[in-house]
Amino acid sequence: MRQDRVRRRWGRLFAILVLIPALIALSFGLYLGSLAGELPWQEDPTRIAITPFADLPGSGAGASDETPAAAASPTPDTP
């Protein structure tokens, strides 16, 4: 009977000191991995082709149909 109590006490102590912190560390690691998208079972996001500098004015190839702002503004004909 006494050996059973001692064995149970060591089992509880092992669970408190080793198993519970290990489960907490594992769950925190899984949480951080899920935030970073680095877990093995997570799919990679869909790749979208992006052309650098495509939307910047004046970076297009060739002449554009738009007139510059200075040429488009009317100038008054005052003597």
C-alpha atoms as a PDB file:
ATOM      1  CA  MET A   1       0.000   0.000   0.000  1.00  0.00           C
ATOM      2  CA  ARG A   2       2.777   2.384   0.885  1.00  0.00           C
ATOM      3  CA  GLN A   3       4.578   1.718  -2.406  1.00  0.00           C
ATOM      4  CA  ASP A   4       1.452   2.615  -4.347  1.00  0.00           C
ATOM      5  CA  ARG A   5       1.262   6.025  -2.651  1.00  0.00           C
ATOM      6  CA  VAL A   6       4.915   6.736  -3.310  1.00  0.00           C
ATOM      7  CA  ARG A   7       4.557   5.619  -6.912  1.00  0.00           C
ATOM      8  CA  ARG A   8       1.468   7.818  -7.402  1.00  0.00           C
ATOM      9  CA  ARG A   9       3.261  10.768  -5.838  1.00  0.00           C
ATOM     10  CA  TRP A  10       6.199  10.385  -8.229  1.00  0.00           C
ATOM     11  CA  GLY A  11       3.799  10.014 -11.145  1.00  0.00           C
ATOM     12  CA  ARG A  12       2.021  13.247 -10.250  1.00  0.00           C
ATOM     13  CA  LEU A  13       5.314  15.042  -9.727  1.00  0.00           C
ATOM     14  CA  PHE A  14       6.543  13.836 -13.123  1.00  0.00           C
ATOM     15  CA  ALA A  15       3.313  15.010 -14.765  1.00  0.00           C
ATOM     16  CA  ILE A  16       3.505  18.421 -13.138  1.00  0.00           C
ATOM     17  CA  LEU A  17       7.200  19.039 -13.741  1.00  0.00           C
ATOM     18  CA  VAL A  18       7.679  17.457 -17.181  1.00  0.00           C
ATOM     19  CA  LEU A  19       4.520  16.660 -19.110  1.00  0.00           C
ATOM     20  CA  ILE A  20       2.517  19.830 -18.505  1.00  0.00           C
ATOM     21  CA  PRO A  21       5.380  22.240 -19.414  1.00  0.00           C
ATOM     22  CA  ALA A  22       6.165  20.098 -22.464  1.00  0.00           C
ATOM     23  CA  LEU A  23       2.541  20.340 -23.631  1.00  0.00           C
ATOM     24  CA  ILE A  24       2.538  24.094 -23.060  1.00  0.00           C
ATOM     25  CA  ALA A  25       5.793  24.512 -25.030  1.00  0.00           C
ATOM     26  CA  LEU A  26       4.490  22.313 -27.856  1.00  0.00           C
ATOM     27  CA  SER A  27       1.213  24.207 -28.115  1.00  0.00           C
ATOM     28  CA  PHE A  28       3.016  27.568 -28.100  1.00  0.00           C
ATOM     29  CA  GLY A  29       5.360  26.337 -30.845  1.00  0.00           C
ATOM     30  CA  LEU A  30       2.417  25.195 -32.949  1.00  0.00           C
ATOM     31  CA  TYR A  31       0.743  28.565 -32.418  1.00  0.00           C
ATOM     32  CA  LEU A  32       3.836  30.465 -33.589  1.00  0.00           C
ATOM     33  CA  GLY A  33       4.249  28.119 -36.544  1.00  0.00           C
ATOM     34  CA  SER A  34       0.652  28.645 -37.599  1.00  0.00           C
ATOM     35  CA  LEU A  35       1.093  32.422 -37.490  1.00  0.00           C
ATOM     36  CA  ALA A  36       4.177  32.205 -39.690  1.00  0.00           C
ATOM     37  CA  GLY A  37       2.549  29.714 -42.073  1.00  0.00           C
ATOM     38  CA  GLU A  38       5.401  27.271 -41.617  1.00  0.00           C
ATOM     39  CA  LEU A  39       3.520  24.162 -40.516  1.00  0.00           C
ATOM     40  CA  PRO A  40       4.020  21.139 -42.808  1.00  0.00           C
ATOM     41  CA  TRP A  41       0.308  20.594 -43.412  1.00  0.00           C
ATOM     42  CA  GLN A  42      -0.416  24.201 -44.391  1.00  0.00           C
ATOM     43  CA  GLU A  43      -0.702  24.885 -48.111  1.00  0.00           C
ATOM     44  CA  ASP A  44       1.408  27.534 -49.777  1.00  0.00           C
ATOM     45  CA  PRO A  45      -0.513  30.673 -50.719  1.00  0.00           C
ATOM     46  CA  THR A  46      -1.440  31.158 -54.357  1.00  0.00           C
ATOM     47  CA  ARG A  47       1.291  32.982 -56.210  1.00  0.00           C
ATOM     48  CA  ILE A  48       0.233  36.146 -58.007  1.00  0.00           C
ATOM     49  CA  ALA A  49       2.432  37.492 -60.783  1.00  0.00           C
ATOM     50  CA  ILE A  50       3.347  41.089 -60.058  1.00  0.00           C
ATOM     51  CA  THR A  51       5.074  43.305 -62.598  1.00  0.00           C
ATOM     52  CA  PRO A  52       7.372  45.720 -60.783  1.00  0.00           C
ATOM     53  CA  PHE A  53       6.696  49.397 -61.446  1.00  0.00           C
ATOM     54  CA  ALA A  54       3.699  48.591 -63.665  1.00  0.00           C
ATOM     55  CA  ASP A  55       1.412  51.199 -62.142  1.00  0.00           C
ATOM     56  CA  LEU A  56       3.841  54.088 -61.973  1.00  0.00           C
ATOM     57  CA  PRO A  57       3.199  56.947 -64.395  1.00  0.00           C
ATOM     58  CA  GLY A  58       5.910  57.495 -66.968  1.00  0.00           C
ATOM     59  CA  SER A  59       7.373  54.033 -66.582  1.00  0.00           C
ATOM     60  CA  GLY A  60       5.516  52.454 -69.476  1.00  0.00           C
ATOM     61  CA  ALA A  61       7.250  51.371 -72.647  1.00  0.00           C
ATOM     62  CA  GLY A  62       6.686  53.676 -75.582  1.00  0.00           C
ATOM     63  CA  ALA A  63       4.782  56.933 -75.873  1.00  0.00           C
ATOM     64  CA  SER A  64       1.617  57.485 -73.912  1.00  0.00           C
ATOM     65  CA  ASP A  65      -1.605  59.118 -75.077  1.00  0.00           C
ATOM     66  CA  GLU A  66      -1.842  61.286 -71.998  1.00  0.00           C
ATOM     67  CA  THR A  67      -0.705  64.876 -72.143  1.00  0.00           C
ATOM     68  CA  PRO A  68       1.479  66.217 -69.373  1.00  0.00           C
ATOM     69  CA  ALA A  69      -0.197  68.409 -66.778  1.00  0.00           C
ATOM     70  CA  ALA A  70       1.749  71.533 -67.781  1.00  0.00           C
ATOM     71  CA  ALA A  71       0.670  71.287 -71.426  1.00  0.00           C
ATOM     72  CA  ALA A  72      -2.929  70.513 -70.539  1.00  0.00           C
ATOM     73  CA  SER A  73      -3.504  73.606 -68.384  1.00  0.00           C
ATOM     74  CA  PRO A  74      -4.825  76.616 -70.307  1.00  0.00           C
ATOM     75  CA  THR A  75      -2.645  79.697 -70.388  1.00  0.00           C
ATOM     76  CA  PRO A  76      -4.398  83.061 -70.379  1.00  0.00           C
ATOM     77  CA  ASP A  77      -3.685  85.322 -73.368  1.00  0.00           C
ATOM     78  CA  THR A  78      -3.278  88.627 -71.615  1.00  0.00           C
ATOM     79  CA  PRO A  79      -1.160  91.392 -73.096  1.00  0.00           C
END
